[in-house]
Amino acid sequence: MTRLLDAARHNRLTLMKTGSYYLIHICVAAMVAYAVTGNLIASLTLSLLEPTVQAVAFFFHEKVWERSLKRRGTAAAMQGA
């Protein structure tokens, strides 16, 4: 449990961004799904399922970008030295 809390603290900003992205995505997905299906239950189901998968993917996407930027910074610093 301690490792999970440490990871959450370390990734606080990314998790907050992921949460806000998730809420916006749910709203947009619900509106689009309802417009396409005309079925409230189907639109709610789709709007919760797809954004949940996207939010998890977004979190890891952000982590890959952070790692890439750190590597670029390290490489640039080594070239300048």
N, C-alpha and C. Protein backbone atom coordinates (compact mmCIF):
# COMPACT_ATOMS: atom_id res chain seq x y z
N MET A 1 0.82 -1.20 0.00
CA MET A 1 0.00 0.00 0.00
C MET A 1 0.87 1.26 0.00
N THR A 2 2.00 1.19 0.69
CA THR A 2 2.91 2.33 0.77
C THR A 2 3.46 2.66 -0.61
N ARG A 3 3.79 1.65 -1.41
CA ARG A 3 4.30 1.88 -2.76
C ARG A 3 3.26 2.57 -3.62
N LEU A 4 2.01 2.17 -3.45
CA LEU A 4 0.92 2.78 -4.22
C LEU A 4 0.75 4.25 -3.84
N LEU A 5 0.80 4.56 -2.56
CA LEU A 5 0.68 5.95 -2.10
C LEU A 5 1.87 6.79 -2.56
N ASP A 6 3.06 6.21 -2.50
CA ASP A 6 4.24 6.92 -2.98
C ASP A 6 4.14 7.20 -4.47
N ALA A 7 3.67 6.23 -5.23
CA ALA A 7 3.50 6.42 -6.68
C ALA A 7 2.46 7.50 -6.96
N ALA A 8 1.37 7.51 -6.17
CA ALA A 8 0.33 8.53 -6.35
C ALA A 8 0.87 9.91 -6.03
N ARG A 9 1.65 10.03 -4.97
CA ARG A 9 2.24 11.33 -4.61
C ARG A 9 3.22 11.80 -5.68
N HIS A 10 4.03 10.88 -6.15
CA HIS A 10 5.05 11.22 -7.16
C HIS A 10 4.41 11.63 -8.48
N ASN A 11 3.25 11.06 -8.81
CA ASN A 11 2.58 11.31 -10.08
C ASN A 11 1.33 12.16 -9.92
N ARG A 12 1.29 12.97 -8.89
CA ARG A 12 0.08 13.73 -8.56
C ARG A 12 -0.43 14.58 -9.73
N LEU A 13 0.44 15.35 -10.36
CA LEU A 13 0.01 16.22 -11.45
C LEU A 13 -0.53 15.41 -12.62
N THR A 14 0.16 14.35 -12.98
CA THR A 14 -0.31 13.51 -14.08
C THR A 14 -1.65 12.87 -13.75
N LEU A 15 -1.82 12.43 -12.52
CA LEU A 15 -3.10 11.83 -12.11
C LEU A 15 -4.22 12.86 -12.11
N MET A 16 -3.93 14.11 -11.71
CA MET A 16 -4.94 15.17 -11.75
C MET A 16 -5.33 15.49 -13.19
N LYS A 17 -4.35 15.57 -14.07
CA LYS A 17 -4.64 15.81 -15.48
C LYS A 17 -5.45 14.66 -16.07
N THR A 18 -5.10 13.44 -15.70
CA THR A 18 -5.83 12.28 -16.17
C THR A 18 -7.28 12.32 -15.70
N GLY A 19 -7.49 12.71 -14.45
CA GLY A 19 -8.86 12.80 -13.90
C GLY A 19 -9.70 13.84 -14.61
N SER A 20 -9.14 15.02 -14.87
CA SER A 20 -9.91 16.06 -15.55
C SER A 20 -10.20 15.64 -16.99
N TYR A 21 -9.22 15.03 -17.64
CA TYR A 21 -9.41 14.52 -19.00
C TYR A 21 -10.52 13.47 -19.01
N TYR A 22 -10.53 12.61 -18.01
CA TYR A 22 -11.53 11.54 -17.89
C TYR A 22 -12.94 12.12 -17.79
N LEU A 23 -13.13 13.12 -16.96
CA LEU A 23 -14.46 13.71 -16.80
C LEU A 23 -14.96 14.37 -18.08
N ILE A 24 -14.08 15.11 -18.74
CA ILE A 24 -14.46 15.74 -20.00
C ILE A 24 -14.80 14.68 -21.04
N HIS A 25 -13.97 13.66 -21.10
CA HIS A 25 -14.18 12.60 -22.08
C HIS A 25 -15.51 11.88 -21.85
N ILE A 26 -15.87 11.63 -20.61
CA ILE A 26 -17.15 10.97 -20.31
C ILE A 26 -18.32 11.81 -20.82
N CYS A 27 -18.27 13.10 -20.58
CA CYS A 27 -19.36 13.98 -21.02
C CYS A 27 -19.49 14.00 -22.55
N VAL A 28 -18.36 14.14 -23.22
CA VAL A 28 -18.38 14.17 -24.68
C VAL A 28 -18.84 12.82 -25.23
N ALA A 29 -18.31 11.74 -24.68
CA ALA A 29 -18.68 10.40 -25.15
C ALA A 29 -20.17 10.13 -24.94
N ALA A 30 -20.72 10.57 -23.82
CA ALA A 30 -22.15 10.36 -23.55
C ALA A 30 -23.00 11.10 -24.57
N MET A 31 -22.63 12.33 -24.87
CA MET A 31 -23.40 13.11 -25.85
C MET A 31 -23.32 12.49 -27.24
N VAL A 32 -22.13 12.07 -27.64
CA VAL A 32 -21.97 11.46 -28.97
C VAL A 32 -22.70 10.13 -29.03
N ALA A 33 -22.54 9.30 -28.02
CA ALA A 33 -23.19 7.98 -28.01
C ALA A 33 -24.72 8.13 -28.02
N TYR A 34 -25.23 9.09 -27.29
CA TYR A 34 -26.68 9.30 -27.29
C TYR A 34 -27.16 9.79 -28.66
N ALA A 35 -26.40 10.69 -29.26
CA ALA A 35 -26.76 11.20 -30.59
C ALA A 35 -26.78 10.07 -31.62
N VAL A 36 -25.87 9.12 -31.48
CA VAL A 36 -25.78 8.02 -32.44
C VAL A 36 -26.83 6.95 -32.15
N THR A 37 -27.00 6.58 -30.88
CA THR A 37 -27.88 5.45 -30.54
C THR A 37 -29.30 5.87 -30.18
N GLY A 38 -29.46 7.05 -29.60
CA GLY A 38 -30.77 7.47 -29.12
C GLY A 38 -31.19 6.68 -27.89
N ASN A 39 -30.27 5.92 -27.32
CA ASN A 39 -30.57 5.05 -26.18
C ASN A 39 -29.73 5.53 -24.99
N LEU A 40 -30.41 5.96 -23.93
CA LEU A 40 -29.73 6.50 -22.77
C LEU A 40 -28.83 5.47 -22.07
N ILE A 41 -29.33 4.26 -21.88
CA ILE A 41 -28.54 3.21 -21.20
C ILE A 41 -27.30 2.86 -22.02
N ALA A 42 -27.46 2.68 -23.32
CA ALA A 42 -26.32 2.36 -24.17
C ALA A 42 -25.31 3.50 -24.17
N SER A 43 -25.80 4.73 -24.21
CA SER A 43 -24.88 5.87 -24.24
C SER A 43 -24.11 6.00 -22.93
N LEU A 44 -24.76 5.74 -21.80
CA LEU A 44 -24.08 5.79 -20.51
C LEU A 44 -23.04 4.67 -20.38
N THR A 45 -23.40 3.49 -20.85
CA THR A 45 -22.46 2.37 -20.81
C THR A 45 -21.23 2.67 -21.66
N LEU A 46 -21.44 3.12 -22.89
CA LEU A 46 -20.32 3.46 -23.77
C LEU A 46 -19.50 4.62 -23.21
N SER A 47 -20.18 5.58 -22.63
CA SER A 47 -19.48 6.77 -22.14
C SER A 47 -18.63 6.48 -20.91
N LEU A 48 -18.91 5.41 -20.19
CA LEU A 48 -18.08 5.03 -19.05
C LEU A 48 -16.98 4.05 -19.44
N LEU A 49 -17.26 3.17 -20.36
CA LEU A 49 -16.29 2.15 -20.76
C LEU A 49 -15.13 2.74 -21.56
N GLU A 50 -15.42 3.40 -22.63
CA GLU A 50 -14.36 3.88 -23.53
C GLU A 50 -13.46 4.92 -22.86
N PRO A 51 -13.99 5.94 -22.17
CA PRO A 51 -13.10 6.90 -21.51
C PRO A 51 -12.25 6.29 -20.40
N THR A 52 -12.75 5.26 -19.75
CA THR A 52 -11.96 4.61 -18.71
C THR A 52 -10.71 3.98 -19.32
N VAL A 53 -10.87 3.30 -20.43
CA VAL A 53 -9.72 2.72 -21.12
C VAL A 53 -8.80 3.84 -21.62
N GLN A 54 -9.37 4.90 -22.16
CA GLN A 54 -8.58 6.03 -22.66
C GLN A 54 -7.79 6.71 -21.54
N ALA A 55 -8.40 6.85 -20.37
CA ALA A 55 -7.72 7.52 -19.25
C ALA A 55 -6.50 6.73 -18.81
N VAL A 56 -6.61 5.42 -18.76
CA VAL A 56 -5.47 4.59 -18.40
C VAL A 56 -4.38 4.74 -19.46
N ALA A 57 -4.77 4.70 -20.73
CA ALA A 57 -3.81 4.88 -21.82
C ALA A 57 -3.16 6.26 -21.74
N PHE A 58 -3.94 7.29 -21.42
CA PHE A 58 -3.41 8.65 -21.32
C PHE A 58 -2.35 8.75 -20.23
N PHE A 59 -2.59 8.13 -19.09
CA PHE A 59 -1.63 8.16 -17.99
C PHE A 59 -0.27 7.62 -18.45
N PHE A 60 -0.30 6.45 -19.09
CA PHE A 60 0.95 5.85 -19.55
C PHE A 60 1.57 6.64 -20.70
N HIS A 61 0.75 7.23 -21.53
CA HIS A 61 1.23 8.10 -22.61
C HIS A 61 2.00 9.28 -22.02
N GLU A 62 1.47 9.88 -20.97
CA GLU A 62 2.15 10.99 -20.30
C GLU A 62 3.49 10.54 -19.70
N LYS A 63 3.52 9.36 -19.10
CA LYS A 63 4.75 8.85 -18.50
C LYS A 63 5.82 8.63 -19.57
N VAL A 64 5.43 8.12 -20.74
CA VAL A 64 6.38 7.92 -21.83
C VAL A 64 6.93 9.27 -22.29
N TRP A 65 6.07 10.27 -22.42
CA TRP A 65 6.52 11.60 -22.82
C TRP A 65 7.47 12.20 -21.79
N GLU A 66 7.15 12.06 -20.52
CA GLU A 66 8.04 12.58 -19.47
C GLU A 66 9.41 11.93 -19.56
N ARG A 67 9.44 10.64 -19.73
CA ARG A 67 10.70 9.91 -19.83
C ARG A 67 11.50 10.37 -21.06
N SER A 68 10.78 10.57 -22.17
CA SER A 68 11.43 11.02 -23.40
C SER A 68 12.02 12.42 -23.23
N LEU A 69 11.29 13.31 -22.59
CA LEU A 69 11.79 14.66 -22.37
C LEU A 69 13.01 14.67 -21.44
N LYS A 70 12.99 13.81 -20.43
CA LYS A 70 14.15 13.71 -19.54
C LYS A 70 15.37 13.22 -20.30
N ARG A 71 15.18 12.23 -21.17
CA ARG A 71 16.30 11.70 -21.96
C ARG A 71 16.86 12.78 -22.88
N ARG A 72 15.97 13.54 -23.51
CA ARG A 72 16.42 14.61 -24.40
C ARG A 72 17.19 15.67 -23.62
N GLY A 73 16.70 15.99 -22.42
CA GLY A 73 17.39 16.96 -21.58
C GLY A 73 18.76 16.47 -21.17
N THR A 74 18.86 15.21 -20.83
CA THR A 74 20.14 14.62 -20.44
C THR A 74 21.10 14.60 -21.62
N ALA A 75 20.58 14.21 -22.80
CA ALA A 75 21.42 14.15 -24.00
C ALA A 75 21.91 15.56 -24.37
N ALA A 76 21.04 16.55 -24.28
CA ALA A 76 21.42 17.92 -24.61
C ALA A 76 22.46 18.44 -23.63
N ALA A 77 22.31 18.11 -22.37
CA ALA A 77 23.25 18.55 -21.34
C ALA A 77 24.61 17.90 -21.57
N MET A 78 24.63 16.66 -21.99
CA MET A 78 25.89 15.96 -22.23
C MET A 78 26.59 16.51 -23.47
N GLN A 79 25.82 16.94 -24.48
CA GLN A 79 26.42 17.52 -25.68
C GLN A 79 27.02 18.88 -25.39
N GLY A 80 26.39 19.62 -24.48
CA GLY A 80 26.86 20.95 -24.14
C GLY A 80 28.07 20.92 -23.21
N ALA A 81 28.30 19.79 -22.56
CA ALA A 81 29.41 19.70 -21.60
C ALA A 81 30.74 19.48 -22.24
